[in-house]
N, C-alpha and C. Protein backbone atom coordinates (compact mmCIF):
# COMPACT_ATOMS: atom_id res chain seq x y z
N MET A 1 0.86 -1.16 0.06
CA MET A 1 0.00 -0.02 0.03
C MET A 1 0.89 1.33 0.07
N SER A 2 0.28 2.33 -0.54
CA SER A 2 1.05 3.54 -0.53
C SER A 2 0.94 4.10 0.98
N LEU A 3 1.88 4.97 1.27
CA LEU A 3 1.82 5.65 2.57
C LEU A 3 0.50 6.44 2.77
N THR A 4 0.01 7.02 1.80
CA THR A 4 -1.26 7.77 1.94
C THR A 4 -2.43 6.85 2.27
N LYS A 5 -2.46 5.63 1.62
CA LYS A 5 -3.48 4.67 1.93
C LYS A 5 -3.26 4.14 3.37
N ILE A 6 -2.13 3.87 3.68
CA ILE A 6 -1.86 3.36 5.14
C ILE A 6 -2.28 4.35 6.03
N VAL A 7 -1.98 5.61 5.89
CA VAL A 7 -2.38 6.61 6.83
C VAL A 7 -3.93 6.88 6.95
N ASN A 8 -4.63 6.61 5.85
CA ASN A 8 -6.04 6.77 5.66
C ASN A 8 -6.88 5.44 6.20
N ILE A 9 -6.16 4.52 6.81
CA ILE A 9 -6.86 3.35 7.32
C ILE A 9 -7.82 3.88 8.51
N LYS A 10 -8.98 3.45 8.51
CA LYS A 10 -10.04 3.96 9.54
C LYS A 10 -9.99 3.04 10.69
N SER A 11 -9.89 1.74 10.52
CA SER A 11 -10.01 0.73 11.42
C SER A 11 -9.42 -0.65 11.00
N ALA A 12 -9.15 -1.50 11.93
CA ALA A 12 -8.66 -2.80 11.52
C ALA A 12 -9.43 -3.83 12.36
N THR A 13 -9.74 -5.04 11.75
CA THR A 13 -10.38 -6.15 12.47
C THR A 13 -9.40 -7.34 12.31
N PRO A 14 -8.63 -7.65 13.35
CA PRO A 14 -7.86 -8.92 13.21
C PRO A 14 -8.84 -10.11 13.30
N GLU A 15 -8.59 -11.04 12.31
CA GLU A 15 -9.46 -12.34 12.25
C GLU A 15 -8.35 -13.33 12.46
N LEU A 16 -8.03 -13.58 13.69
CA LEU A 16 -7.01 -14.41 14.06
C LEU A 16 -7.01 -15.86 13.62
N ASP A 17 -8.20 -16.48 13.50
CA ASP A 17 -8.43 -17.88 13.14
C ASP A 17 -7.93 -18.08 11.63
N GLU A 18 -7.92 -17.00 10.84
CA GLU A 18 -7.59 -17.17 9.40
C GLU A 18 -6.15 -16.56 9.09
N GLY A 19 -5.60 -15.91 10.11
CA GLY A 19 -4.32 -15.27 9.83
C GLY A 19 -4.38 -14.07 8.92
N ARG A 20 -5.39 -13.36 8.93
CA ARG A 20 -5.57 -12.19 8.15
C ARG A 20 -6.17 -11.07 8.89
N VAL A 21 -6.10 -9.90 8.33
CA VAL A 21 -6.62 -8.72 9.06
C VAL A 21 -7.55 -7.87 7.95
N ARG A 22 -8.67 -7.52 8.40
CA ARG A 22 -9.51 -6.72 7.45
C ARG A 22 -9.25 -5.25 7.85
N LEU A 23 -8.82 -4.51 6.84
CA LEU A 23 -8.53 -3.15 6.96
C LEU A 23 -9.70 -2.38 6.36
N TYR A 24 -10.27 -1.32 7.11
CA TYR A 24 -11.34 -0.50 6.60
C TYR A 24 -10.75 0.87 6.22
N PHE A 25 -11.26 1.32 5.11
CA PHE A 25 -10.84 2.63 4.57
C PHE A 25 -11.99 3.59 4.50
N GLN A 26 -11.84 4.65 3.80
CA GLN A 26 -13.09 5.64 3.72
C GLN A 26 -14.27 4.96 3.05
N ASN A 27 -15.41 5.44 3.32
CA ASN A 27 -16.63 4.97 2.78
C ASN A 27 -16.92 3.55 3.05
N SER A 28 -16.36 3.00 4.18
CA SER A 28 -16.54 1.70 4.61
C SER A 28 -16.00 0.58 3.71
N ARG A 29 -15.13 0.96 2.76
CA ARG A 29 -14.45 -0.03 1.92
C ARG A 29 -13.43 -0.80 2.77
N TYR A 30 -13.26 -2.04 2.46
CA TYR A 30 -12.36 -2.89 3.13
C TYR A 30 -11.58 -3.74 2.27
N ARG A 31 -10.40 -4.25 2.70
CA ARG A 31 -9.67 -5.23 2.12
C ARG A 31 -8.95 -6.03 3.08
N ASP A 32 -8.86 -7.43 2.74
CA ASP A 32 -8.27 -8.39 3.85
C ASP A 32 -6.79 -8.54 3.31
N TYR A 33 -5.93 -8.45 4.26
CA TYR A 33 -4.45 -8.73 4.14
C TYR A 33 -3.90 -9.79 5.01
N PRO A 34 -3.08 -10.69 4.46
CA PRO A 34 -2.52 -11.64 5.34
C PRO A 34 -1.59 -11.13 6.27
N PHE A 35 -1.60 -11.58 7.51
CA PHE A 35 -0.69 -11.06 8.50
C PHE A 35 -0.04 -12.35 9.27
N SER A 36 1.19 -12.27 9.57
CA SER A 36 1.88 -13.35 10.37
C SER A 36 1.27 -13.23 11.83
N GLN A 37 1.55 -14.33 12.64
CA GLN A 37 1.07 -14.24 14.03
C GLN A 37 1.84 -13.16 14.77
N PRO A 38 3.11 -12.88 14.60
CA PRO A 38 3.81 -11.88 15.35
C PRO A 38 3.11 -10.46 14.90
N ALA A 39 2.87 -10.34 13.67
CA ALA A 39 2.38 -9.06 13.27
C ALA A 39 0.92 -8.86 13.84
N LEU A 40 0.12 -9.96 13.90
CA LEU A 40 -1.26 -9.96 14.52
C LEU A 40 -1.17 -9.54 15.97
N ASN A 41 -0.05 -10.12 16.65
CA ASN A 41 0.11 -9.73 18.10
C ASN A 41 0.38 -8.28 18.37
N ILE A 42 1.23 -7.71 17.40
CA ILE A 42 1.62 -6.24 17.49
C ILE A 42 0.40 -5.40 17.21
N LEU A 43 -0.39 -5.83 16.24
CA LEU A 43 -1.58 -5.08 15.90
C LEU A 43 -2.66 -5.08 17.09
N LYS A 44 -2.73 -6.20 17.72
CA LYS A 44 -3.69 -6.34 18.88
C LYS A 44 -3.26 -5.47 20.05
N SER A 45 -1.85 -5.40 20.26
CA SER A 45 -1.42 -4.51 21.23
C SER A 45 -1.64 -3.11 20.85
N TYR A 46 -1.37 -2.70 19.59
CA TYR A 46 -1.58 -1.32 19.19
C TYR A 46 -3.15 -0.87 19.23
N LEU A 47 -4.01 -1.90 18.97
CA LEU A 47 -5.51 -1.58 19.08
C LEU A 47 -5.87 -1.29 20.50
N LYS A 48 -5.24 -2.05 21.44
CA LYS A 48 -5.57 -1.87 22.88
C LYS A 48 -4.95 -0.49 23.22
N LEU A 49 -3.82 -0.03 22.71
CA LEU A 49 -3.23 1.27 23.06
C LEU A 49 -4.21 2.39 22.60
N ILE A 50 -4.61 2.36 21.38
CA ILE A 50 -5.41 3.54 20.79
C ILE A 50 -6.78 3.38 21.49
N ASP A 51 -7.27 2.23 21.87
CA ASP A 51 -8.62 2.30 22.56
C ASP A 51 -8.58 2.93 23.85
N SER A 52 -7.42 2.95 24.50
CA SER A 52 -7.17 3.55 25.91
C SER A 52 -6.99 5.01 25.81
N ILE A 53 -6.67 5.65 24.55
CA ILE A 53 -6.46 6.96 24.48
C ILE A 53 -7.83 7.65 24.13
N GLU A 54 -8.16 8.67 25.00
CA GLU A 54 -9.33 9.26 24.92
C GLU A 54 -9.23 10.43 23.81
N GLY A 55 -10.29 10.78 23.12
CA GLY A 55 -10.31 11.80 22.16
C GLY A 55 -9.66 11.57 20.83
N HIS A 56 -9.14 10.43 20.51
CA HIS A 56 -8.52 10.15 19.22
C HIS A 56 -9.71 9.73 18.22
N ASN A 57 -9.54 10.13 17.04
CA ASN A 57 -10.55 9.85 15.96
C ASN A 57 -9.86 9.09 14.74
N THR A 58 -8.70 8.81 14.73
CA THR A 58 -8.04 8.22 13.67
C THR A 58 -7.35 6.91 14.09
N PHE A 59 -7.00 6.18 13.15
CA PHE A 59 -6.45 4.89 13.43
C PHE A 59 -5.05 4.99 13.76
N TRP A 60 -4.16 5.67 12.98
CA TRP A 60 -2.73 5.81 13.23
C TRP A 60 -2.65 7.09 13.93
N ILE A 61 -1.94 6.98 14.99
CA ILE A 61 -1.61 8.17 15.85
C ILE A 61 -0.14 8.11 16.06
N ASN A 62 0.40 9.48 16.31
CA ASN A 62 1.83 9.59 16.60
C ASN A 62 2.01 9.68 18.10
N LYS A 63 3.23 9.88 18.59
CA LYS A 63 3.57 9.72 20.00
C LYS A 63 2.82 10.90 20.85
N ASN A 64 2.32 11.93 20.12
CA ASN A 64 1.57 13.00 20.73
C ASN A 64 0.01 12.71 20.68
N ALA A 65 -0.41 11.54 20.24
CA ALA A 65 -1.79 11.18 20.23
C ALA A 65 -2.61 12.04 19.18
N LYS A 66 -1.80 12.48 18.22
CA LYS A 66 -2.43 13.17 17.00
C LYS A 66 -2.36 12.28 15.78
N ALA A 67 -3.09 12.59 14.76
CA ALA A 67 -3.16 11.95 13.59
C ALA A 67 -1.76 11.83 12.98
N LEU A 68 -1.31 10.67 12.52
CA LEU A 68 -0.05 10.37 11.86
C LEU A 68 -0.02 10.84 10.44
N SER A 69 0.94 11.60 9.97
CA SER A 69 0.90 12.04 8.65
C SER A 69 1.75 11.18 7.77
N THR A 70 1.69 11.28 6.40
CA THR A 70 2.58 10.39 5.60
C THR A 70 4.10 10.78 5.71
N THR A 71 4.39 12.12 5.99
CA THR A 71 5.69 12.40 6.24
C THR A 71 6.27 11.75 7.52
N GLN A 72 5.45 11.80 8.50
CA GLN A 72 5.84 11.11 9.93
C GLN A 72 6.03 9.70 9.69
N LEU A 73 5.23 9.03 8.91
CA LEU A 73 5.23 7.51 8.64
C LEU A 73 6.58 7.26 7.87
N GLN A 74 6.93 8.09 6.82
CA GLN A 74 8.10 7.98 6.06
C GLN A 74 9.28 8.14 7.00
N ASN A 75 9.27 9.08 7.95
CA ASN A 75 10.41 9.25 8.87
C ASN A 75 10.56 8.02 9.83
N LEU A 76 9.37 7.54 10.25
CA LEU A 76 9.53 6.22 11.08
C LEU A 76 10.13 5.10 10.24
N LEU A 77 9.77 4.90 8.97
CA LEU A 77 10.48 3.87 8.13
C LEU A 77 11.96 4.25 8.04
N ASN A 78 12.26 5.39 7.79
CA ASN A 78 13.64 5.78 7.62
C ASN A 78 14.45 5.56 8.91
N LYS A 79 13.85 5.73 10.09
CA LYS A 79 14.51 5.51 11.36
C LYS A 79 14.73 4.05 11.62
N TYR A 80 13.75 3.23 11.23
CA TYR A 80 13.76 1.83 11.33
C TYR A 80 14.91 1.25 10.45
N PHE A 81 14.97 1.70 9.21
CA PHE A 81 15.96 1.17 8.24
C PHE A 81 17.42 1.63 8.75
N GLU A 82 17.46 2.86 9.23
CA GLU A 82 18.84 3.30 9.80
C GLU A 82 19.22 2.51 11.03
N ALA A 83 18.29 2.19 11.89
CA ALA A 83 18.63 1.45 13.12
C ALA A 83 18.99 -0.03 12.79
N HIS A 84 18.68 -0.49 11.66
CA HIS A 84 18.95 -1.84 11.22
C HIS A 84 19.96 -1.88 10.13
N ASP A 85 20.71 -0.81 10.04
CA ASP A 85 21.81 -0.70 8.98
C ASP A 85 21.37 -0.92 7.59
N LEU A 86 20.13 -0.54 7.22
CA LEU A 86 19.59 -0.76 5.83
C LEU A 86 19.69 0.63 5.18
N PRO A 87 19.84 0.64 3.86
CA PRO A 87 19.75 1.90 3.17
C PRO A 87 18.44 2.66 3.14
N ALA A 88 18.42 3.88 3.16
CA ALA A 88 17.16 4.64 3.14
C ALA A 88 16.29 4.32 1.84
N ILE A 89 15.11 4.16 2.04
CA ILE A 89 14.24 3.68 0.82
C ILE A 89 12.96 4.28 1.03
N ASN A 90 12.30 4.82 -0.01
CA ASN A 90 10.97 5.41 0.17
C ASN A 90 9.91 4.27 -0.02
N ALA A 91 8.69 4.54 0.42
CA ALA A 91 7.68 3.51 0.40
C ALA A 91 7.44 2.90 -1.01
N ASN A 92 7.43 3.71 -1.96
CA ASN A 92 7.15 3.21 -3.35
C ASN A 92 8.18 2.35 -3.77
N GLU A 93 9.46 2.56 -3.39
CA GLU A 93 10.55 1.70 -3.85
C GLU A 93 10.40 0.30 -3.09
N LEU A 94 10.02 0.49 -1.83
CA LEU A 94 9.70 -0.78 -0.91
C LEU A 94 8.73 -1.53 -1.48
N ARG A 95 7.56 -1.03 -1.99
CA ARG A 95 6.47 -1.81 -2.54
C ARG A 95 7.02 -2.43 -3.88
N ASP A 96 7.79 -1.72 -4.79
CA ASP A 96 8.40 -2.33 -5.91
C ASP A 96 9.22 -3.48 -5.72
N LEU A 97 10.10 -3.34 -4.66
CA LEU A 97 10.98 -4.56 -4.36
C LEU A 97 10.24 -5.65 -3.79
N SER A 98 9.12 -5.42 -3.14
CA SER A 98 8.38 -6.68 -2.69
C SER A 98 7.77 -7.37 -3.85
N VAL A 99 7.32 -6.66 -4.95
CA VAL A 99 6.80 -7.29 -6.13
C VAL A 99 7.82 -8.04 -6.82
N GLN A 100 9.02 -7.31 -6.97
CA GLN A 100 10.21 -8.11 -7.63
C GLN A 100 10.44 -9.43 -6.91
N HIS A 101 10.37 -9.23 -5.54
CA HIS A 101 10.67 -10.53 -4.71
C HIS A 101 9.82 -11.58 -4.95
N PHE A 102 8.55 -11.26 -5.07
CA PHE A 102 7.45 -12.32 -5.15
C PHE A 102 7.56 -12.90 -6.62
N SER A 103 7.86 -12.00 -7.50
CA SER A 103 8.06 -12.43 -8.95
C SER A 103 9.17 -13.47 -9.00
N GLN A 104 10.35 -13.14 -8.47
CA GLN A 104 11.53 -14.00 -8.52
C GLN A 104 11.29 -15.32 -7.78
N GLU A 105 10.38 -15.32 -6.71
CA GLU A 105 9.92 -16.47 -5.97
C GLU A 105 8.92 -17.33 -6.71
N GLY A 106 8.46 -16.86 -7.88
CA GLY A 106 7.58 -17.67 -8.70
C GLY A 106 6.10 -17.29 -8.73
N ALA A 107 5.80 -16.07 -8.21
CA ALA A 107 4.38 -15.71 -8.09
C ALA A 107 3.96 -15.40 -9.64
N ASP A 108 2.68 -15.70 -9.98
CA ASP A 108 2.24 -15.51 -11.35
C ASP A 108 1.89 -14.03 -11.49
N ILE A 109 1.52 -13.56 -12.79
CA ILE A 109 1.37 -12.27 -13.11
C ILE A 109 0.11 -11.79 -12.41
N ARG A 110 -0.95 -12.54 -12.42
CA ARG A 110 -2.24 -12.23 -11.78
C ARG A 110 -2.08 -11.82 -10.39
N SER A 111 -1.27 -12.58 -9.70
CA SER A 111 -1.05 -12.42 -8.25
C SER A 111 -0.20 -11.11 -8.01
N LEU A 112 0.70 -10.77 -8.95
CA LEU A 112 1.44 -9.65 -8.81
C LEU A 112 0.53 -8.46 -9.05
N GLN A 113 -0.35 -8.50 -10.20
CA GLN A 113 -1.37 -7.48 -10.36
C GLN A 113 -2.24 -7.31 -9.22
N ALA A 114 -2.64 -8.32 -8.50
CA ALA A 114 -3.50 -8.13 -7.31
C ALA A 114 -2.84 -7.45 -6.14
N LEU A 115 -1.50 -7.85 -6.05
CA LEU A 115 -0.62 -7.29 -4.92
C LEU A 115 -0.46 -5.82 -5.12
N ARG A 116 -0.17 -5.32 -6.29
CA ARG A 116 -0.13 -4.00 -6.57
C ARG A 116 -1.26 -3.19 -6.99
N GLN A 117 -2.40 -3.99 -7.08
CA GLN A 117 -3.71 -3.44 -7.64
C GLN A 117 -3.52 -2.73 -8.92
N PHE A 118 -2.82 -3.37 -9.82
CA PHE A 118 -2.69 -2.88 -11.19
C PHE A 118 -3.79 -3.49 -12.07
N LYS A 119 -4.32 -2.76 -12.96
CA LYS A 119 -5.32 -3.36 -13.85
C LYS A 119 -4.74 -3.74 -15.14
N GLN A 120 -3.54 -3.13 -15.56
CA GLN A 120 -2.89 -3.29 -16.82
C GLN A 120 -1.45 -4.04 -16.48
N LEU A 121 -1.23 -5.02 -17.42
CA LEU A 121 0.16 -5.69 -17.34
C LEU A 121 1.35 -4.78 -17.52
N ARG A 122 1.09 -3.85 -18.33
CA ARG A 122 2.31 -3.03 -18.68
C ARG A 122 2.82 -2.18 -17.45
N ARG A 123 1.95 -2.03 -16.49
CA ARG A 123 2.28 -1.25 -15.32
C ARG A 123 3.35 -2.02 -14.51
N LEU A 124 3.27 -3.39 -14.72
CA LEU A 124 4.35 -4.28 -13.95
C LEU A 124 5.65 -4.25 -14.58
N GLN A 125 5.76 -3.74 -15.83
CA GLN A 125 7.02 -3.85 -16.68
C GLN A 125 8.17 -3.05 -15.84
N SER A 126 7.83 -1.95 -15.32
CA SER A 126 8.86 -1.14 -14.61
C SER A 126 9.23 -1.80 -13.22
N LEU A 127 8.50 -2.73 -12.84
CA LEU A 127 8.83 -3.27 -11.51
C LEU A 127 9.75 -4.56 -11.56
N ASN A 128 9.76 -5.17 -12.77
CA ASN A 128 10.42 -6.52 -12.74
C ASN A 128 11.76 -6.49 -13.35
N GLU A 129 12.53 -7.52 -13.32
CA GLU A 129 13.82 -7.71 -13.88
C GLU A 129 13.65 -7.85 -15.34
N PRO A 130 14.72 -7.73 -16.18
CA PRO A 130 14.63 -7.79 -17.68
C PRO A 130 13.84 -8.99 -18.26
N ASP A 131 13.78 -10.03 -17.46
CA ASP A 131 12.98 -11.21 -18.00
C ASP A 131 11.48 -11.14 -18.04
N PHE A 132 10.96 -9.80 -17.70
CA PHE A 132 9.55 -9.58 -17.71
C PHE A 132 8.99 -9.84 -19.08
N SER A 133 9.60 -9.40 -20.20
CA SER A 133 9.11 -9.51 -21.49
C SER A 133 8.95 -11.01 -21.89
N HIS A 134 9.79 -11.98 -21.34
CA HIS A 134 9.57 -13.43 -21.59
C HIS A 134 8.34 -13.81 -20.89
N LEU A 135 8.17 -13.45 -19.59
CA LEU A 135 7.10 -13.83 -18.72
C LEU A 135 5.75 -13.25 -19.48
N GLN A 136 5.81 -12.08 -19.99
CA GLN A 136 4.53 -11.47 -20.44
C GLN A 136 4.20 -12.15 -21.87
N LYS A 137 5.24 -12.70 -22.55
CA LYS A 137 5.07 -13.29 -23.85
C LYS A 137 4.35 -14.66 -23.56
N SER A 138 4.87 -15.36 -22.57
CA SER A 138 4.28 -16.71 -22.18
C SER A 138 2.89 -16.56 -21.78
N PHE A 139 2.69 -15.44 -20.96
CA PHE A 139 1.25 -15.23 -20.57
C PHE A 139 0.29 -14.96 -21.63
N LYS A 140 0.72 -14.10 -22.62
CA LYS A 140 -0.08 -13.83 -23.74
C LYS A 140 -0.41 -15.05 -24.57
N GLN A 141 0.63 -15.95 -24.69
CA GLN A 141 0.42 -17.17 -25.53
C GLN A 141 -0.61 -18.05 -24.91
N LYS A 142 -0.57 -18.14 -23.50
CA LYS A 142 -1.57 -19.11 -22.92
C LYS A 142 -3.00 -18.45 -22.51
N HIS A 143 -3.06 -17.08 -22.78
CA HIS A 143 -4.25 -16.44 -22.45
C HIS A 143 -5.43 -17.08 -23.39
N LEU A 144 -6.69 -17.12 -22.93
CA LEU A 144 -7.72 -17.57 -23.78
C LEU A 144 -8.03 -16.66 -25.01
N ARG A 145 -7.75 -15.39 -24.92
CA ARG A 145 -8.05 -14.59 -26.10
C ARG A 145 -6.81 -14.51 -26.99
N SER A 146 -5.80 -15.26 -26.83
CA SER A 146 -4.61 -15.14 -27.53
C SER A 146 -4.84 -15.74 -28.93
N THR A 147 -4.39 -14.98 -29.91
CA THR A 147 -4.46 -15.43 -31.41
C THR A 147 -3.45 -16.51 -31.61
N VAL A 148 -2.37 -16.63 -30.94
CA VAL A 148 -1.44 -17.74 -31.04
C VAL A 148 -2.14 -19.06 -30.57
N LEU A 149 -2.89 -19.08 -29.40
CA LEU A 149 -3.61 -20.15 -28.86
C LEU A 149 -4.54 -20.64 -29.88
N LYS A 150 -5.35 -19.70 -30.39
CA LYS A 150 -6.52 -20.12 -31.31
C LYS A 150 -5.96 -20.76 -32.62
N GLU A 151 -4.74 -20.31 -33.03
CA GLU A 151 -4.24 -20.97 -34.25
C GLU A 151 -3.68 -22.36 -33.98
N THR A 152 -3.28 -22.63 -32.78
CA THR A 152 -2.77 -24.05 -32.51
C THR A 152 -3.84 -24.88 -31.95
C-alpha cells in the first residue's frame, strides 16, 4: 500500500483464526490482508493502546496522540532502516521491491497484479527484472483470447 493509503486506514479487525486482517478505509471499503502471528500480536497491542487514548478519532496516531501524517510515517520507516543498517528507501521503492521479490520466487502475473492493484500488465514492466518480457509473452500465448492459442 502507499503511505497515503496506510495513513487513511480507519480501522482494523484482526481475524486471528484465518491469519488475516480486515482493514477498513474511507466509505467503509475494506480489504483483507494476510498477517503473520507476530504481526497480529503487534496489531492487537496497538489496538488496545489506541482504545485506551481518549479523544482520538484516527487509526494511526503519533507519539503525541495526534493523527499520523505520511511524512511522519516515512520518517518512522527511515529511522527503522537506519537502526537496522539498511539503506534509506521510500515506500514506493519498498513496494516495488516486494513485487520483484514475489516475482522472483515464482508468483504469477495475476498475483502480482492483485498485490499492486494494477489493472494493466504493462504497469508491472517497470517493476520487474529484464526477463519480464519473456514472462509477458508466455502469458499472452496461454491467455484464452490469444491469437497464437487459437491458431494451434
